[in-house]
């Protein structure tokens, strides 16, 4: 009888332990689109909307619809900024040969010249209400080969900003991916940065080892764990290779992410252009 009781206790403890085992977190796909099917750009110039143009429609190949509304975002769209009456910047959907060699629809973005210091045309995921969460973003991009041939030039195609980043009080945080050209030999290289304002990086990583693909498709991945502590993480990979990885704060003063510039066309290396395709956004790094 005593042995039976002991065996029963062991079985109960084993069942109790198994019931309390933590279930591995499985990232959730939040958005996916290659601009196919009924996706289009609404080029209506709406009154009092700061010159936004909205990508709309449902990608029937993935089932996801535009505009992107992850993390509670609203009003996401292409933002024409200091565009000289739509002459300095330009965006449209085009049919081209994609990264897998097939015909595909892509987002084409171009900056012809710098009209003012902030001339650009990004796709912004706006008015985020759940800006304290992890996020993983992946897409394919092809950039031109003519814009990064002069010394000491730069362009960027991705970033996020927290609330109060542009308030002029140095309270917020920005995570941003650059391509620079070397001031001595013109060679383009990667630059990964977190800052409190553009002139004062909090941390920065240069990568001159992995070549920058020009006029060819490459896959870019961005992941962050939002945190003001040591457990924060900011990862950037290109074609599966780590460009830069920072462990530590990915915000300042506990500020949530305000908006994400998913695809940006901005910098002093003009004229420049790029193509974007097959966007995926997940709640964590997919397994």
Protein backbone atom coordinates (compact mmCIF):
# COMPACT_ATOMS: atom_id res chain seq x y z
CA UNK A 1 0.00 0.00 0.00
CA UNK A 2 2.85 2.35 0.87
CA UNK A 3 4.50 1.81 -2.55
CA UNK A 4 1.19 2.47 -4.29
CA UNK A 5 0.80 5.80 -2.47
CA UNK A 6 4.36 6.85 -3.37
CA UNK A 7 3.80 5.97 -7.02
CA UNK A 8 0.54 7.96 -7.05
CA UNK A 9 2.30 11.01 -5.60
CA UNK A 10 5.03 10.78 -8.27
CA UNK A 11 2.44 10.55 -11.04
CA UNK A 12 0.52 13.56 -9.68
CA UNK A 13 3.71 15.62 -9.41
CA UNK A 14 4.72 14.68 -12.95
CA UNK A 15 1.32 15.67 -14.32
CA UNK A 16 1.42 18.92 -12.35
CA UNK A 17 4.88 19.77 -13.73
CA UNK A 18 3.88 19.01 -17.31
CA UNK A 19 0.78 21.19 -17.02
CA UNK A 20 2.91 24.15 -15.93
CA UNK A 21 5.52 23.86 -18.66
CA UNK A 22 5.76 27.10 -20.62
CA UNK A 23 4.47 26.92 -24.17
CA UNK A 24 7.05 28.25 -26.68
CA UNK A 25 5.97 31.56 -28.19
CA UNK A 26 4.99 31.26 -31.83
CA UNK A 27 5.26 34.54 -33.76
CA UNK A 28 2.12 35.60 -35.60
CA UNK A 29 2.03 36.83 -39.19
CA UNK A 30 0.54 40.34 -39.05
CA UNK A 31 0.80 41.41 -42.68
CA UNK A 32 1.98 40.04 -46.00
CA UNK A 33 1.75 41.51 -49.50
CA UNK A 34 3.54 41.60 -52.82
CA UNK A 35 1.27 44.36 -54.21
CA UNK A 36 -0.60 41.81 -56.32
CA UNK A 37 -4.22 41.53 -57.47
CA UNK A 38 -6.38 44.55 -56.64
CA UNK A 39 -3.73 46.57 -54.77
CA UNK A 40 -3.36 50.13 -56.09
CA UNK A 41 -2.20 53.62 -55.14
CA UNK A 42 -4.96 56.16 -54.65
CA UNK A 43 -3.34 59.34 -55.99
CA UNK A 44 -6.15 61.60 -54.82
CA UNK A 45 -4.78 64.77 -53.21
CA UNK A 46 -7.01 64.86 -50.14
CA UNK A 47 -7.46 68.21 -48.40
CA UNK A 48 -5.51 68.82 -45.17
CA UNK A 49 -3.76 65.44 -45.09
CA UNK A 50 -0.12 66.62 -45.43
CA UNK A 51 0.12 65.28 -49.00
CA UNK A 52 -0.33 61.57 -48.29
CA UNK A 53 -1.14 59.04 -51.01
CA UNK A 54 -2.74 55.80 -49.88
CA UNK A 55 -2.04 52.25 -51.02
CA UNK A 56 -5.38 50.44 -50.99
CA UNK A 57 -6.96 47.14 -51.95
CA UNK A 58 -6.63 43.47 -51.04
CA UNK A 59 -3.73 41.27 -52.09
CA UNK A 60 -5.69 38.18 -53.12
CA UNK A 61 -2.57 36.05 -53.06
CA UNK A 62 -2.06 36.65 -49.33
CA UNK A 63 -5.49 37.82 -48.13
CA UNK A 64 -4.11 40.95 -46.47
CA UNK A 65 -5.42 44.43 -47.25
CA UNK A 66 -3.86 47.87 -47.50
CA UNK A 67 -3.30 50.28 -45.80
CA UNK A 68 -1.18 48.51 -43.18
CA UNK A 69 -2.86 48.60 -39.76
CA UNK A 70 -0.47 46.63 -37.51
CA UNK A 71 -0.02 47.66 -33.85
CA UNK A 72 -3.28 49.61 -34.01
CA UNK A 73 -1.96 51.90 -36.76
CA UNK A 74 -4.28 54.10 -38.82
CA UNK A 75 -3.88 56.40 -41.85
CA UNK A 76 -0.74 54.65 -43.12
CA UNK A 77 0.41 55.83 -46.54
CA UNK A 78 3.02 57.29 -48.87
CA UNK A 79 4.10 60.71 -47.65
CA UNK A 80 5.27 63.25 -50.22
CA UNK A 81 7.49 65.70 -48.31
CA UNK A 82 9.01 68.85 -49.83
CA UNK A 83 8.45 67.28 -53.23
CA UNK A 84 8.35 70.46 -55.38
CA UNK A 85 4.82 69.80 -56.63
CA UNK A 86 5.53 66.07 -57.13
CA UNK A 87 8.59 66.74 -59.28
CA UNK A 88 11.34 65.93 -56.75
CA UNK A 89 9.89 62.57 -55.62
CA UNK A 90 7.76 59.91 -57.23
CA UNK A 91 6.15 56.55 -56.36
CA UNK A 92 4.11 54.03 -58.34
CA UNK A 93 3.37 50.32 -58.69
CA UNK A 94 5.27 48.70 -61.56
CA UNK A 95 5.50 45.29 -63.23
CA UNK A 96 9.11 44.11 -63.27
CA UNK A 97 11.16 40.92 -63.03
CA UNK A 98 11.33 40.12 -59.34
CA UNK A 99 13.82 38.42 -57.06
CA UNK A 100 12.71 34.92 -58.14
CA UNK A 101 12.98 35.68 -61.86
CA UNK A 102 9.24 36.00 -62.50
CA UNK A 103 7.14 39.03 -63.46
CA UNK A 104 5.75 40.71 -60.36
CA UNK A 105 4.19 43.95 -59.12
CA UNK A 106 6.44 46.11 -56.94
CA UNK A 107 6.52 49.50 -55.28
CA UNK A 108 8.85 51.85 -57.16
CA UNK A 109 10.16 54.93 -55.31
CA UNK A 110 12.36 57.66 -56.74
CA UNK A 111 13.95 60.90 -55.57
CA UNK A 112 15.07 63.02 -58.50
CA UNK A 113 16.64 65.86 -56.56
CA UNK A 114 16.64 67.53 -53.16
CA UNK A 115 14.17 70.40 -53.23
CA UNK A 116 14.51 71.11 -49.49
CA UNK A 117 16.58 69.42 -46.78
CA UNK A 118 13.79 66.97 -45.95
CA UNK A 119 12.70 65.98 -49.49
CA UNK A 120 11.52 62.35 -49.34
CA UNK A 121 8.67 59.95 -50.10
CA UNK A 122 8.38 57.22 -47.43
CA UNK A 123 5.65 54.69 -46.76
CA UNK A 124 4.74 55.42 -43.14
CA UNK A 125 2.86 53.14 -40.74
CA UNK A 126 1.18 55.89 -38.74
CA UNK A 127 -0.48 56.63 -35.42
CA UNK A 128 0.62 53.39 -33.75
CA UNK A 129 -1.23 52.70 -30.48
CA UNK A 130 0.58 49.50 -29.43
CA UNK A 131 4.16 50.72 -29.72
CA UNK A 132 5.70 48.66 -26.92
CA UNK A 133 5.73 45.35 -28.76
CA UNK A 134 8.32 43.29 -30.64
CA UNK A 135 8.24 43.38 -34.41
CA UNK A 136 9.93 41.63 -37.31
CA UNK A 137 9.87 43.08 -40.84
CA UNK A 138 11.14 41.45 -44.02
CA UNK A 139 11.03 42.52 -47.65
CA UNK A 140 12.98 42.38 -50.89
CA UNK A 141 14.58 45.54 -52.23
CA UNK A 142 16.64 46.53 -55.27
CA UNK A 143 18.47 49.86 -55.30
CA UNK A 144 20.04 51.60 -58.27
CA UNK A 145 23.77 51.45 -59.02
CA UNK A 146 24.24 55.11 -59.97
CA UNK A 147 23.48 56.99 -56.75
CA UNK A 148 26.22 55.57 -54.51
CA UNK A 149 29.29 56.37 -56.62
CA UNK A 150 30.48 59.59 -54.99
CA UNK A 151 32.37 59.91 -51.68
CA UNK A 152 30.68 60.71 -48.38
CA UNK A 153 27.06 60.21 -49.54
CA UNK A 154 24.15 58.54 -47.78
CA UNK A 155 20.67 57.14 -48.23
CA UNK A 156 18.24 55.35 -45.93
CA UNK A 157 15.33 53.02 -46.58
CA UNK A 158 14.02 52.07 -43.11
CA UNK A 159 13.52 53.59 -39.66
CA UNK A 160 11.18 53.99 -36.71
CA UNK A 161 10.66 56.85 -34.31
CA UNK A 162 9.19 56.87 -30.84
CA UNK A 163 6.90 59.54 -29.50
CA UNK A 164 8.61 62.87 -28.78
CA UNK A 165 11.57 62.12 -31.05
CA UNK A 166 10.96 65.33 -33.00
CA UNK A 167 9.79 67.39 -30.06
CA UNK A 168 13.13 69.19 -29.84
CA UNK A 169 13.75 68.06 -26.27
CA UNK A 170 15.92 65.00 -27.01
CA UNK A 171 13.45 62.72 -25.23
CA UNK A 172 12.67 60.17 -27.95
CA UNK A 173 14.49 57.49 -29.89
CA UNK A 174 15.05 56.57 -33.54
CA UNK A 175 16.24 53.28 -35.03
CA UNK A 176 17.52 53.74 -38.58
CA UNK A 177 19.33 51.83 -41.36
CA UNK A 178 21.71 53.75 -43.63
CA UNK A 179 23.90 53.08 -46.62
CA UNK A 180 26.94 55.37 -46.67
CA UNK A 181 29.76 55.77 -49.18
CA UNK A 182 33.32 55.84 -47.94
CA UNK A 183 34.87 59.30 -48.06
CA UNK A 184 38.15 57.91 -49.41
CA UNK A 185 37.27 55.28 -52.03
CA UNK A 186 33.50 55.80 -52.62
CA UNK A 187 32.68 52.20 -51.60
CA UNK A 188 29.15 51.86 -50.18
CA UNK A 189 28.74 50.28 -46.74
CA UNK A 190 26.02 49.61 -44.15
CA UNK A 191 25.38 51.70 -41.05
CA UNK A 192 22.95 50.70 -38.22
CA UNK A 193 22.11 53.34 -35.63
CA UNK A 194 20.02 54.23 -32.61
CA UNK A 195 19.88 57.90 -31.64
CA UNK A 196 18.12 60.53 -29.58
CA UNK A 197 18.48 63.06 -32.38
CA UNK A 198 20.17 62.94 -35.81
CA UNK A 199 23.40 64.54 -34.65
CA UNK A 200 24.03 62.43 -31.53
CA UNK A 201 23.93 58.63 -31.96
CA UNK A 202 23.42 56.62 -28.78
CA UNK A 203 24.97 53.61 -30.51
CA UNK A 204 26.07 52.93 -34.09
CA UNK A 205 27.44 50.00 -36.05
CA UNK A 206 29.36 50.15 -39.35
CA UNK A 207 29.62 47.06 -41.52
CA UNK A 208 32.12 47.25 -44.36
CA UNK A 209 32.57 43.48 -44.63
CA UNK A 210 29.30 42.49 -46.28
CA UNK A 211 29.05 44.12 -49.74
CA UNK A 212 26.09 46.37 -50.59
CA UNK A 213 24.24 44.82 -53.57
CA UNK A 214 23.63 47.38 -56.30
CA UNK A 215 21.06 46.95 -59.05
CA UNK A 216 20.16 43.49 -57.78
CA UNK A 217 17.50 42.17 -55.42
CA UNK A 218 18.39 41.48 -51.81
CA UNK A 219 16.36 40.50 -48.79
CA UNK A 220 16.43 42.80 -45.78
CA UNK A 221 15.18 41.89 -42.30
CA UNK A 222 14.65 44.10 -39.25
CA UNK A 223 13.76 42.90 -35.76
CA UNK A 224 13.55 44.64 -32.43
CA UNK A 225 12.58 43.82 -28.88
CA UNK A 226 11.20 47.06 -27.48
CA UNK A 227 12.82 47.74 -24.11
CA UNK A 228 14.61 50.39 -22.12
CA UNK A 229 16.73 47.75 -20.42
CA UNK A 230 19.58 45.39 -21.21
CA UNK A 231 17.16 42.88 -22.73
CA UNK A 232 16.45 45.18 -25.68
CA UNK A 233 17.61 44.01 -29.09
CA UNK A 234 17.88 45.57 -32.56
CA UNK A 235 18.83 43.22 -35.41
CA UNK A 236 19.41 43.93 -39.11
CA UNK A 237 20.15 41.18 -41.63
CA UNK A 238 20.71 41.24 -45.39
CA UNK A 239 20.38 37.99 -47.33
CA UNK A 240 20.52 36.16 -44.02
CA UNK A 241 23.79 37.79 -42.91
CA UNK A 242 23.91 40.01 -39.83
CA UNK A 243 24.66 43.61 -40.74
CA UNK A 244 24.39 44.84 -37.17
CA UNK A 245 23.05 43.64 -33.85
CA UNK A 246 22.68 45.79 -30.74
CA UNK A 247 21.74 44.55 -27.29
CA UNK A 248 20.38 47.21 -24.96
CA UNK A 249 17.70 49.92 -24.98
CA UNK A 250 15.61 50.35 -28.13
CA UNK A 251 13.73 53.35 -26.74
CA UNK A 252 14.28 56.27 -24.35
CA UNK A 253 12.22 57.44 -21.38
CA UNK A 254 9.84 54.51 -21.95
CA UNK A 255 8.46 56.15 -25.09
CA UNK A 256 6.40 53.84 -27.33
CA UNK A 257 6.98 53.68 -31.07
CA UNK A 258 4.96 56.41 -32.76
CA UNK A 259 5.40 55.46 -36.42
CA UNK A 260 7.45 53.17 -38.65
CA UNK A 261 8.94 54.25 -41.96
CA UNK A 262 8.64 50.90 -43.68
CA UNK A 263 10.23 51.94 -46.98
CA UNK A 264 12.07 55.22 -47.29
CA UNK A 265 13.64 57.07 -50.21
CA UNK A 266 15.75 59.80 -48.60
CA UNK A 267 19.33 61.05 -48.60
CA UNK A 268 21.84 63.22 -50.43
CA UNK A 269 22.87 60.66 -53.08
CA UNK A 270 20.64 61.88 -55.90
CA UNK A 271 19.08 60.96 -58.20
CA UNK A 272 18.20 57.58 -56.69
CA UNK A 273 15.49 54.96 -56.95
CA UNK A 274 14.50 51.55 -55.59
CA UNK A 275 11.99 48.73 -55.93
CA UNK A 276 10.24 46.97 -53.00
CA UNK A 277 8.45 43.61 -53.03
CA UNK A 278 7.09 40.77 -50.87
CA UNK A 279 6.66 42.53 -47.53
CA UNK A 280 6.12 40.41 -44.41
CA UNK A 281 5.53 41.68 -40.88
CA UNK A 282 5.46 39.34 -37.86
CA UNK A 283 5.07 39.70 -34.09
CA UNK A 284 8.52 38.10 -33.67
CA UNK A 285 11.22 36.35 -35.68
CA UNK A 286 9.45 33.53 -37.54
CA UNK A 287 10.82 30.04 -36.94
